[in-house]
Amino acid sequence: MLVSRASRAALSTACAALLLATSGCGSDKPEQATTTTQVRLYGTDGNMQNSYADELKDRADLLNGMKGTIPLTPLPESFKDRLRTVDPKLRDYLYSAESYDAVVISALAAQLAGATQPTEIAKQIVGVTTGGQRCEDAATCLQLARAGRDIEYRGVSLNRAGFTDAGEPATASYATLHFDDQKINDGKTEFVGAGDESAASTKAPPPGKKQRGSKPDKSAGAPLVLGGLLPKTGDLALAYPPMAAGVALALRDIDAAGGVLGEPVKWIDGDDGTDPKVAKATVASHISAGVQVIIGAAASGISRAVLPDVVAANRILFSPSNTDAGLTTVDDKGLYFRTAPPDGLQGRALADVILRDGPHKIAIVARKDSYGEGLQENVRAELERAGMGADRVKLLSYDVPEGEQPLDFSAGAKEIKEYGADAVLVIGFGESAKVITALADAGVQLRH
């Protein structure tokens, strides 16, 4: 959008029009009119939550007017209230429901398998979400599973359809969020569905095994041991509180309902650090400790890095937040699952949000990893399908800094300014705040 910088407070409507047309009005000397392109900011996932404003510190006002999408189901207030009993300071809910469901599904699969052996649990996970008797809470579902009944779990995030054969949601819900006054304005949030219910698996799982009595069944390998691989530190640390709260609430509900195979579920905490080295060390520790199901990692790139280690040890990796579409076909020997939908679905939702504003030139900035570049390509393809040619879409990426080294995006910001983009999509985690401040420092006028 073009906006004149010349003051028009004292001009009539006709005189203002003349100023734009002839660069002069009510003056003996013609005045040069200057125009500046205002740029709309868009984001997704890791930068569309309240805690992201903390990353910009005293420059958080730069976020005002930014909008974007995240995978998010409309969460019942009762679920949010229960999450806050775990963490009273909780401000965001991103992937809290997906974390909750990942833990509950793992527990139900172990109960139906009648064993804690990971390969046996894995055979039940998809079937837990498809084709059986529908149940919507951990207690009811566990009761049915103890009786060996085939169940169809419908939880907080998984409420429309079950898993595909690849072990991921067949459908998804996305929220369009808006930043106002340095925080997400819930009053503007909109939800849109995506995916196809017919894509859910129709394969029958192995018959469920009835639990013998209410006492712990040591022959079944109880207790079930889950290990965390969540971002307590690193670029995705801002997403940790809601994910941790979702896990803790699920464990509380499962144990209150009698546990799995007659015993409470054992949880071993662990950090993925949003860093392959940290995550690999955590995975090795979990394997040594006898963890059967690893909940994580948070970032798709981290899951890709540790998956070979997990598979080699015949353990399960179950992520609440991986969205890299390429993980659908990864060689996982049937041991990788996720409750977050793949970015092939999100790309459409995000492109639609951007196109509603009628941009002329779009710059898409992504962190250089499988998640960032994967979603960048998905959005680009959707924009092209809508008629935005290569001359109107510019792709940029940045290397993720190691350790405490700050991200320097000054050259990229200058390139975007010279390109004349009127829309910038930022795909990244906490570190992407430096992209936004670099744009402002380069003189890019962000639209608020």
Protein backbone atom coordinates (compact mmCIF):
# COMPACT_ATOMS: atom_id res chain seq x y z
CA MET A 1 0.00 0.00 0.00
CA LEU A 2 1.38 3.44 -0.93
CA VAL A 3 1.08 6.23 1.65
CA SER A 4 2.29 9.83 1.26
CA ARG A 5 4.63 11.11 3.92
CA ALA A 6 3.64 14.73 3.18
CA SER A 7 1.44 16.28 5.80
CA ARG A 8 -2.15 16.60 4.64
CA ALA A 9 -3.81 17.70 7.87
CA ALA A 10 -4.72 21.17 6.57
CA LEU A 11 -5.50 20.20 3.00
CA SER A 12 -8.91 19.62 1.49
CA THR A 13 -9.69 16.29 -0.12
CA ALA A 14 -9.31 17.83 -3.57
CA CYS A 15 -5.99 19.46 -2.70
CA ALA A 16 -4.69 16.16 -1.27
CA ALA A 17 -5.54 14.44 -4.53
CA LEU A 18 -3.75 17.18 -6.44
CA LEU A 19 -0.69 16.75 -4.24
CA LEU A 20 -0.47 13.09 -5.22
CA ALA A 21 -1.05 13.80 -8.89
CA THR A 22 1.16 16.86 -9.44
CA SER A 23 3.46 16.98 -6.40
CA GLY A 24 2.22 20.47 -5.58
CA CYS A 25 -0.67 22.28 -3.93
CA GLY A 26 -1.11 25.71 -2.36
CA SER A 27 2.59 26.46 -2.76
CA ASP A 28 4.65 28.66 -5.02
CA LYS A 29 7.22 25.87 -5.22
CA PRO A 30 6.28 22.35 -6.35
CA GLU A 31 7.00 19.86 -3.57
CA GLN A 32 8.29 16.34 -4.35
CA ALA A 33 5.87 13.73 -2.99
CA THR A 34 7.55 10.69 -1.45
CA THR A 35 5.96 7.32 -0.91
CA THR A 36 6.87 4.43 1.34
CA THR A 37 5.71 0.86 1.02
CA GLN A 38 4.15 -0.39 4.22
CA VAL A 39 4.90 -4.03 4.89
CA ARG A 40 2.55 -6.50 6.53
CA LEU A 41 4.18 -9.07 8.81
CA TYR A 42 3.06 -12.70 8.94
CA GLY A 43 4.23 -15.55 11.13
CA THR A 44 3.52 -19.14 12.04
CA ASP A 45 3.96 -21.73 14.79
CA GLY A 46 6.87 -20.67 17.04
CA ASN A 47 6.43 -16.92 16.56
CA MET A 48 2.65 -16.69 16.87
CA GLN A 49 2.29 -16.86 20.65
CA ASN A 50 2.33 -14.38 23.50
CA SER A 51 5.75 -15.41 24.75
CA TYR A 52 7.28 -14.40 21.40
CA ALA A 53 6.91 -10.75 22.41
CA ASP A 54 9.45 -11.39 25.18
CA GLU A 55 12.05 -12.18 22.53
CA LEU A 56 11.81 -8.58 21.22
CA LYS A 57 12.01 -7.07 24.72
CA ASP A 58 11.58 -3.27 24.52
CA ARG A 59 10.81 -3.48 20.79
CA ALA A 60 7.79 -5.77 21.14
CA ASP A 61 5.59 -3.05 19.62
CA LEU A 62 7.00 -4.10 16.23
CA LEU A 63 4.70 -7.13 16.43
CA ASN A 64 1.51 -5.06 16.52
CA GLY A 65 -0.45 -5.93 13.37
CA MET A 66 1.43 -9.19 12.71
CA LYS A 67 -0.78 -12.16 11.94
CA GLY A 68 -0.35 -15.79 11.01
CA THR A 69 -1.42 -19.37 11.57
CA ILE A 70 -0.72 -22.19 13.99
CA PRO A 71 -2.13 -25.71 14.25
CA LEU A 72 -4.74 -25.20 16.95
CA THR A 73 -8.08 -26.70 17.81
CA PRO A 74 -10.57 -24.47 19.63
CA LEU A 75 -9.71 -25.47 23.19
CA PRO A 76 -12.48 -25.83 25.77
CA GLU A 77 -12.12 -23.38 28.64
CA SER A 78 -12.33 -26.34 30.99
CA PHE A 79 -9.16 -27.79 29.42
CA LYS A 80 -7.34 -24.46 29.75
CA ASP A 81 -8.45 -24.23 33.36
CA ARG A 82 -7.07 -27.70 34.05
CA LEU A 83 -3.78 -26.82 32.36
CA ARG A 84 -3.49 -23.80 34.66
CA THR A 85 -3.80 -26.06 37.68
CA VAL A 86 -0.53 -27.56 36.47
CA ASP A 87 1.07 -24.21 35.56
CA PRO A 88 -0.75 -21.13 36.92
CA LYS A 89 1.54 -18.83 34.90
CA LEU A 90 0.59 -20.34 31.54
CA ARG A 91 0.01 -17.67 28.84
CA ASP A 92 0.04 -19.81 25.68
CA TYR A 93 -1.54 -23.12 24.71
CA LEU A 94 0.30 -24.01 21.49
CA TYR A 95 0.72 -27.80 21.25
CA SER A 96 -0.63 -28.33 24.77
CA ALA A 97 -3.53 -30.42 23.44
CA GLU A 98 -1.27 -32.32 21.03
CA SER A 99 1.10 -33.10 23.93
CA TYR A 100 -1.79 -34.29 26.08
CA ASP A 101 -3.11 -36.55 23.31
CA ALA A 102 0.33 -38.01 22.49
CA VAL A 103 0.71 -39.21 26.08
CA VAL A 104 -2.86 -40.57 26.34
CA ILE A 105 -2.64 -42.40 23.00
CA SER A 106 0.68 -43.98 24.06
CA ALA A 107 -0.89 -45.16 27.31
CA LEU A 108 -3.96 -46.60 25.59
CA ALA A 109 -1.81 -48.41 23.02
CA ALA A 110 0.28 -50.03 25.76
CA GLN A 111 -2.83 -51.08 27.65
CA LEU A 112 -4.35 -52.69 24.53
CA ALA A 113 -1.05 -54.34 23.64
CA GLY A 114 -0.89 -55.82 27.14
CA ALA A 115 2.80 -55.04 27.07
CA THR A 116 5.32 -52.23 27.31
CA GLN A 117 7.48 -53.56 24.48
CA PRO A 118 7.75 -50.60 22.05
CA THR A 119 7.17 -52.63 18.88
CA GLU A 120 3.93 -54.03 20.35
CA ILE A 121 2.77 -50.57 21.46
CA ALA A 122 3.50 -49.19 17.99
CA LYS A 123 1.20 -51.78 16.39
CA GLN A 124 -1.72 -50.37 18.40
CA ILE A 125 -1.18 -46.60 18.12
CA VAL A 126 -2.96 -45.94 14.81
CA GLY A 127 -5.79 -48.31 15.72
CA VAL A 128 -6.38 -46.51 19.02
CA THR A 129 -7.63 -43.54 16.98
CA THR A 130 -9.76 -45.34 14.37
CA GLY A 131 -12.66 -47.70 13.95
CA GLY A 132 -13.59 -48.87 17.45
CA GLN A 133 -15.93 -47.72 20.20
CA ARG A 134 -15.65 -43.98 20.53
CA CYS A 135 -14.41 -42.57 23.85
CA GLU A 136 -13.35 -39.04 24.73
CA ASP A 137 -11.51 -39.12 28.04
CA ALA A 138 -8.62 -41.07 29.49
CA ALA A 139 -10.64 -42.83 32.19
CA THR A 140 -13.36 -44.16 29.87
CA CYS A 141 -10.89 -45.18 27.18
CA LEU A 142 -8.63 -46.99 29.66
CA GLN A 143 -11.59 -48.89 31.07
CA LEU A 144 -12.50 -50.11 27.58
CA ALA A 145 -8.86 -50.94 26.79
CA ARG A 146 -8.52 -53.02 29.97
CA ALA A 147 -11.46 -55.07 28.71
CA GLY A 148 -9.65 -55.60 25.42
CA ARG A 149 -12.17 -53.51 23.47
CA ASP A 150 -11.23 -51.82 20.21
CA ILE A 151 -11.51 -48.06 20.78
CA GLU A 152 -11.58 -44.84 18.80
CA TYR A 153 -10.00 -42.15 20.95
CA ARG A 154 -11.20 -38.60 20.36
CA GLY A 155 -9.24 -36.24 22.52
CA VAL A 156 -8.61 -32.52 22.70
CA SER A 157 -6.64 -32.06 19.48
CA LEU A 158 -7.69 -35.25 17.72
CA ASN A 159 -11.42 -34.64 17.50
CA ARG A 160 -12.44 -34.97 13.83
CA ALA A 161 -10.68 -38.04 12.43
CA GLY A 162 -8.01 -40.51 13.45
CA PHE A 163 -4.50 -41.21 12.24
CA THR A 164 -3.47 -42.10 8.72
CA ASP A 165 -1.50 -45.28 8.03
CA ALA A 166 1.65 -43.12 8.43
CA GLY A 167 0.74 -42.35 12.06
CA GLU A 168 -0.32 -38.71 11.82
CA PRO A 169 -3.65 -36.81 11.89
CA ALA A 170 -5.79 -37.12 8.78
CA THR A 171 -7.39 -33.75 9.52
CA ALA A 172 -6.29 -30.58 11.22
CA SER A 173 -7.56 -27.32 12.63
CA TYR A 174 -5.65 -24.07 12.16
CA ALA A 175 -6.08 -20.79 13.96
CA THR A 176 -5.45 -17.39 12.42
CA LEU A 177 -3.98 -15.21 15.16
CA HIS A 178 -3.38 -11.44 15.39
CA PHE A 179 -0.92 -9.44 17.49
CA ASP A 180 -2.40 -6.29 19.02
CA ASP A 181 -0.86 -4.34 21.90
CA GLN A 182 2.11 -6.77 21.98
CA LYS A 183 -0.02 -9.85 22.60
CA ILE A 184 -2.36 -12.20 20.77
CA ASN A 185 -5.85 -10.71 20.48
CA ASP A 186 -8.11 -13.69 21.18
CA GLY A 187 -11.13 -11.73 19.98
CA LYS A 188 -9.79 -11.81 16.41
CA THR A 189 -8.88 -15.51 16.34
CA GLU A 190 -10.49 -17.52 13.55
CA PHE A 191 -10.41 -21.27 13.00
CA VAL A 192 -10.38 -23.22 9.75
CA GLY A 193 -10.35 -26.97 9.15
CA ALA A 194 -8.11 -28.82 6.71
CA GLY A 195 -7.44 -32.37 5.57
CA ASP A 196 -9.73 -35.25 4.63
CA GLU A 197 -11.43 -37.63 7.05
CA SER A 198 -11.34 -40.37 4.42
CA ALA A 199 -7.54 -40.37 4.70
CA ALA A 200 -7.76 -41.99 8.15
CA SER A 201 -6.51 -45.57 8.33
CA THR A 202 -8.98 -48.41 7.83
CA LYS A 203 -6.55 -51.15 8.89
CA ALA A 204 -7.62 -53.23 11.88
CA PRO A 205 -5.11 -53.29 14.76
CA PRO A 206 -4.16 -56.54 16.52
CA PRO A 207 -6.86 -57.68 18.99
CA GLY A 208 -6.58 -55.96 22.36
CA LYS A 209 -5.57 -58.03 25.37
CA LYS A 210 -7.72 -58.10 28.49
CA GLN A 211 -6.02 -57.10 31.71
CA ARG A 212 -5.93 -59.88 34.30
CA GLY A 213 -7.17 -58.39 37.54
CA SER A 214 -6.36 -54.97 38.94
CA LYS A 215 -2.91 -55.75 40.31
CA PRO A 216 0.26 -54.76 38.42
CA ASP A 217 1.06 -57.27 35.70
CA LYS A 218 4.83 -57.68 35.92
CA SER A 219 4.78 -60.23 33.09
CA ALA A 220 3.49 -57.43 30.83
CA GLY A 221 6.52 -55.31 31.60
CA ALA A 222 4.80 -52.68 33.76
CA PRO A 223 5.34 -49.88 34.42
CA LEU A 224 5.11 -48.03 31.13
CA VAL A 225 8.05 -45.60 30.99
CA LEU A 226 7.77 -42.40 28.97
CA GLY A 227 10.63 -39.98 28.43
CA GLY A 228 10.48 -36.30 27.57
CA LEU A 229 12.35 -34.80 24.64
CA LEU A 230 10.89 -31.30 24.87
CA PRO A 231 12.50 -27.85 24.43
CA LYS A 232 13.33 -26.82 27.98
CA THR A 233 16.15 -24.74 26.45
CA GLY A 234 17.09 -23.41 23.00
CA ASP A 235 15.26 -21.49 20.28
CA LEU A 236 11.96 -23.28 20.96
CA ALA A 237 12.05 -22.86 24.74
CA LEU A 238 9.15 -20.40 24.47
CA ALA A 239 6.96 -23.38 23.45
CA TYR A 240 7.96 -25.54 26.42
CA PRO A 241 5.47 -24.38 29.11
CA PRO A 242 2.24 -25.38 27.30
CA MET A 243 3.73 -28.66 26.06
CA ALA A 244 5.00 -29.55 29.53
CA ALA A 245 1.63 -28.67 31.04
CA GLY A 246 -0.16 -30.89 28.52
CA VAL A 247 2.09 -33.84 29.35
CA ALA A 248 1.74 -33.35 33.11
CA LEU A 249 -2.05 -33.14 32.90
CA ALA A 250 -2.25 -36.31 30.80
CA LEU A 251 -0.08 -38.23 33.26
CA ARG A 252 -2.26 -37.02 36.11
CA ASP A 253 -5.45 -38.13 34.34
CA ILE A 254 -4.03 -41.55 33.41
CA ASP A 255 -2.81 -42.30 36.92
CA ALA A 256 -6.09 -41.09 38.44
CA ALA A 257 -7.84 -43.60 36.18
CA GLY A 258 -5.76 -46.51 37.47
CA GLY A 259 -2.64 -46.22 35.36
CA VAL A 260 -1.49 -48.60 32.63
CA LEU A 261 -1.27 -52.36 33.18
CA GLY A 262 -2.06 -51.79 36.84
CA GLU A 263 0.70 -49.29 37.58
CA PRO A 264 1.20 -45.52 37.37
CA VAL A 265 3.05 -44.38 34.27
CA LYS A 266 6.67 -43.49 34.95
CA TRP A 267 7.91 -40.20 33.45
CA ILE A 268 11.57 -39.32 32.96
CA ASP A 269 12.11 -35.68 32.05
CA GLY A 270 14.45 -34.66 29.24
CA ASP A 271 15.52 -31.66 27.16
CA ASP A 272 15.93 -31.53 23.37
CA GLY A 273 17.65 -28.13 23.62
CA THR A 274 16.45 -27.35 20.08
CA ASP A 275 19.90 -28.76 19.34
CA PRO A 276 20.77 -32.15 17.79
CA LYS A 277 23.70 -32.71 20.17
CA VAL A 278 21.60 -32.07 23.28
CA ALA A 279 18.74 -34.17 21.92
CA LYS A 280 20.97 -37.12 21.01
CA ALA A 281 22.44 -37.14 24.50
CA THR A 282 18.94 -37.13 26.01
CA VAL A 283 17.82 -39.98 23.75
CA ALA A 284 20.86 -42.05 24.73
CA SER A 285 20.07 -41.43 28.39
CA HIS A 286 16.44 -42.45 27.91
CA ILE A 287 17.41 -45.66 26.13
CA SER A 288 19.77 -46.57 28.98
CA ALA A 289 17.00 -45.86 31.50
CA GLY A 290 14.56 -48.21 29.75
CA VAL A 291 12.23 -45.58 28.29
CA GLN A 292 9.82 -47.21 25.84
CA VAL A 293 8.13 -44.13 24.32
CA ILE A 294 9.90 -40.80 23.84
CA ILE A 295 7.57 -37.79 23.70
CA GLY A 296 9.19 -35.27 21.33
CA ALA A 297 11.15 -33.79 19.82
CA ALA A 298 9.57 -30.37 19.45
CA ALA A 299 11.32 -29.28 16.25
CA SER A 300 11.07 -31.40 13.10
CA GLY A 301 14.78 -31.06 12.40
CA ILE A 302 15.63 -32.40 15.84
CA SER A 303 13.36 -35.41 15.34
CA ARG A 304 15.09 -36.12 12.03
CA ALA A 305 18.45 -36.00 13.80
CA VAL A 306 17.55 -38.43 16.60
CA LEU A 307 15.16 -40.78 14.77
CA PRO A 308 17.91 -43.15 13.53
CA ASP A 309 19.09 -43.59 17.15
CA VAL A 310 15.54 -44.19 18.36
CA VAL A 311 14.76 -46.70 15.62
CA ALA A 312 18.06 -48.55 16.10
CA ALA A 313 17.12 -49.04 19.76
CA ASN A 314 13.56 -50.19 18.86
CA ARG A 315 11.96 -47.32 20.76
CA ILE A 316 9.02 -45.09 19.79
CA LEU A 317 9.35 -41.39 18.98
CA PHE A 318 6.02 -39.60 19.36
CA SER A 319 6.07 -35.86 18.66
CA PRO A 320 3.33 -33.42 19.61
CA SER A 321 4.66 -30.65 17.35
CA ASN A 322 6.59 -31.87 14.30
CA THR A 323 5.05 -30.43 11.13
CA ASP A 324 7.70 -31.13 8.46
CA ALA A 325 5.73 -32.79 5.64
CA GLY A 326 8.77 -34.87 4.70
CA LEU A 327 8.49 -36.83 7.95
CA THR A 328 5.41 -38.56 6.56
CA THR A 329 7.59 -40.78 4.40
CA VAL A 330 10.71 -41.01 6.58
CA ASP A 331 12.16 -44.50 7.11
CA ASP A 332 10.98 -45.07 10.68
CA LYS A 333 10.27 -48.83 10.76
CA GLY A 334 6.79 -47.94 12.03
CA LEU A 335 8.13 -46.31 15.20
CA TYR A 336 7.51 -42.61 14.56
CA PHE A 337 4.17 -40.87 15.24
CA ARG A 338 2.89 -37.33 15.67
CA THR A 339 -0.26 -35.57 16.80
CA ALA A 340 0.66 -32.37 14.92
CA PRO A 341 -0.50 -32.15 11.28
CA PRO A 342 2.04 -31.99 8.42
CA ASP A 343 2.80 -28.61 6.84
CA GLY A 344 1.26 -29.60 3.53
CA LEU A 345 -2.02 -28.67 5.22
CA GLN A 346 -0.71 -25.55 6.95
CA GLY A 347 0.82 -24.17 3.74
CA ARG A 348 -2.66 -23.74 2.29
CA ALA A 349 -4.05 -22.06 5.38
CA LEU A 350 -1.10 -19.66 5.63
CA ALA A 351 -1.16 -18.76 1.93
CA ASP A 352 -4.86 -17.98 2.22
CA VAL A 353 -4.27 -15.61 5.15
CA ILE A 354 -1.64 -13.70 3.17
CA LEU A 355 -3.63 -13.57 -0.07
CA ARG A 356 -6.68 -12.09 1.66
CA ASP A 357 -4.70 -8.85 2.04
CA GLY A 358 -3.94 -8.60 -1.68
CA PRO A 359 -0.13 -8.31 -1.60
CA HIS A 360 1.89 -7.42 -4.70
CA LYS A 361 5.28 -8.80 -3.64
CA ILE A 362 5.92 -11.34 -0.93
CA ALA A 363 9.18 -12.25 0.82
CA ILE A 364 9.26 -15.56 2.69
CA VAL A 365 12.06 -15.80 5.27
CA ALA A 366 12.73 -19.22 6.79
CA ARG A 367 15.21 -20.79 9.18
CA LYS A 368 17.47 -23.15 7.26
CA ASP A 369 16.27 -26.56 8.40
CA SER A 370 13.72 -29.17 7.29
CA TYR A 371 10.86 -27.39 9.06
CA GLY A 372 11.60 -23.86 7.86
CA GLU A 373 12.50 -24.64 4.27
CA GLY A 374 9.80 -27.29 4.02
CA LEU A 375 7.02 -24.91 5.06
CA GLN A 376 8.53 -22.15 2.93
CA GLU A 377 8.25 -24.37 -0.15
CA ASN A 378 4.69 -25.41 0.76
CA VAL A 379 3.58 -21.78 1.03
CA ARG A 380 5.41 -20.82 -2.18
CA ALA A 381 3.67 -23.63 -4.07
CA GLU A 382 0.26 -22.55 -2.76
CA LEU A 383 0.93 -18.92 -3.73
CA GLU A 384 1.99 -20.03 -7.21
CA ARG A 385 -1.18 -22.08 -7.53
CA ALA A 386 -3.11 -18.92 -6.71
CA GLY A 387 -1.36 -16.96 -9.47
CA MET A 388 1.61 -15.42 -7.66
CA GLY A 389 4.47 -15.96 -10.11
CA ALA A 390 8.16 -16.28 -9.27
CA ASP A 391 8.68 -12.58 -9.97
CA ARG A 392 6.33 -11.73 -7.10
CA VAL A 393 7.66 -14.14 -4.45
CA LYS A 394 11.17 -13.92 -2.98
CA LEU A 395 12.61 -16.74 -0.87
CA LEU A 396 15.30 -16.12 1.76
CA SER A 397 16.70 -18.34 4.49
CA TYR A 398 19.08 -17.93 7.39
CA ASP A 399 21.47 -20.25 9.19
CA VAL A 400 20.47 -20.91 12.77
CA PRO A 401 23.21 -19.50 15.04
CA GLU A 402 25.04 -21.89 17.33
CA GLY A 403 25.10 -21.34 21.08
CA GLU A 404 24.57 -17.77 22.23
CA GLN A 405 25.64 -16.22 18.94
CA PRO A 406 22.92 -13.77 17.79
CA LEU A 407 21.29 -13.98 14.39
CA ASP A 408 22.45 -11.29 11.95
CA PHE A 409 19.82 -10.70 9.27
CA SER A 410 20.90 -7.19 8.26
CA ALA A 411 21.85 -8.20 4.71
CA GLY A 412 18.58 -10.06 4.21
CA ALA A 413 16.58 -7.11 5.53
CA LYS A 414 18.31 -4.78 3.07
CA GLU A 415 17.55 -7.21 0.25
CA ILE A 416 13.86 -7.28 1.19
CA LYS A 417 13.72 -3.48 1.28
CA GLU A 418 15.32 -3.18 -2.15
CA TYR A 419 12.95 -5.83 -3.51
CA GLY A 420 9.98 -3.72 -2.46
CA ALA A 421 8.00 -6.44 -0.71
CA ASP A 422 4.71 -5.38 0.85
CA ALA A 423 4.33 -8.69 2.74
CA VAL A 424 6.94 -10.62 4.72
CA LEU A 425 6.34 -14.09 6.15
CA VAL A 426 8.76 -15.13 8.90
CA ILE A 427 9.08 -18.87 9.52
CA GLY A 428 11.17 -19.57 12.60
CA PHE A 429 11.36 -19.93 16.35
CA GLY A 430 12.54 -17.52 19.04
CA GLU A 431 15.61 -16.53 17.04
CA SER A 432 13.41 -15.12 14.26
CA ALA A 433 12.75 -12.03 16.40
CA LYS A 434 16.07 -10.78 15.02
CA VAL A 435 14.60 -10.89 11.52
CA ILE A 436 11.87 -8.46 12.55
CA THR A 437 14.18 -6.03 14.33
CA ALA A 438 16.58 -6.17 11.36
CA LEU A 439 13.74 -5.21 9.02
CA ALA A 440 12.88 -2.20 11.18
CA ASP A 441 16.56 -1.19 11.44
CA ALA A 442 16.86 -1.34 7.64
CA GLY A 443 14.08 1.20 7.33
CA VAL A 444 11.32 -1.20 6.33
CA GLN A 445 8.05 0.41 7.44
CA LEU A 446 6.06 -2.29 9.23
CA ARG A 447 2.34 -1.87 9.02
CA HIS A 448 0.59 -1.77 12.39
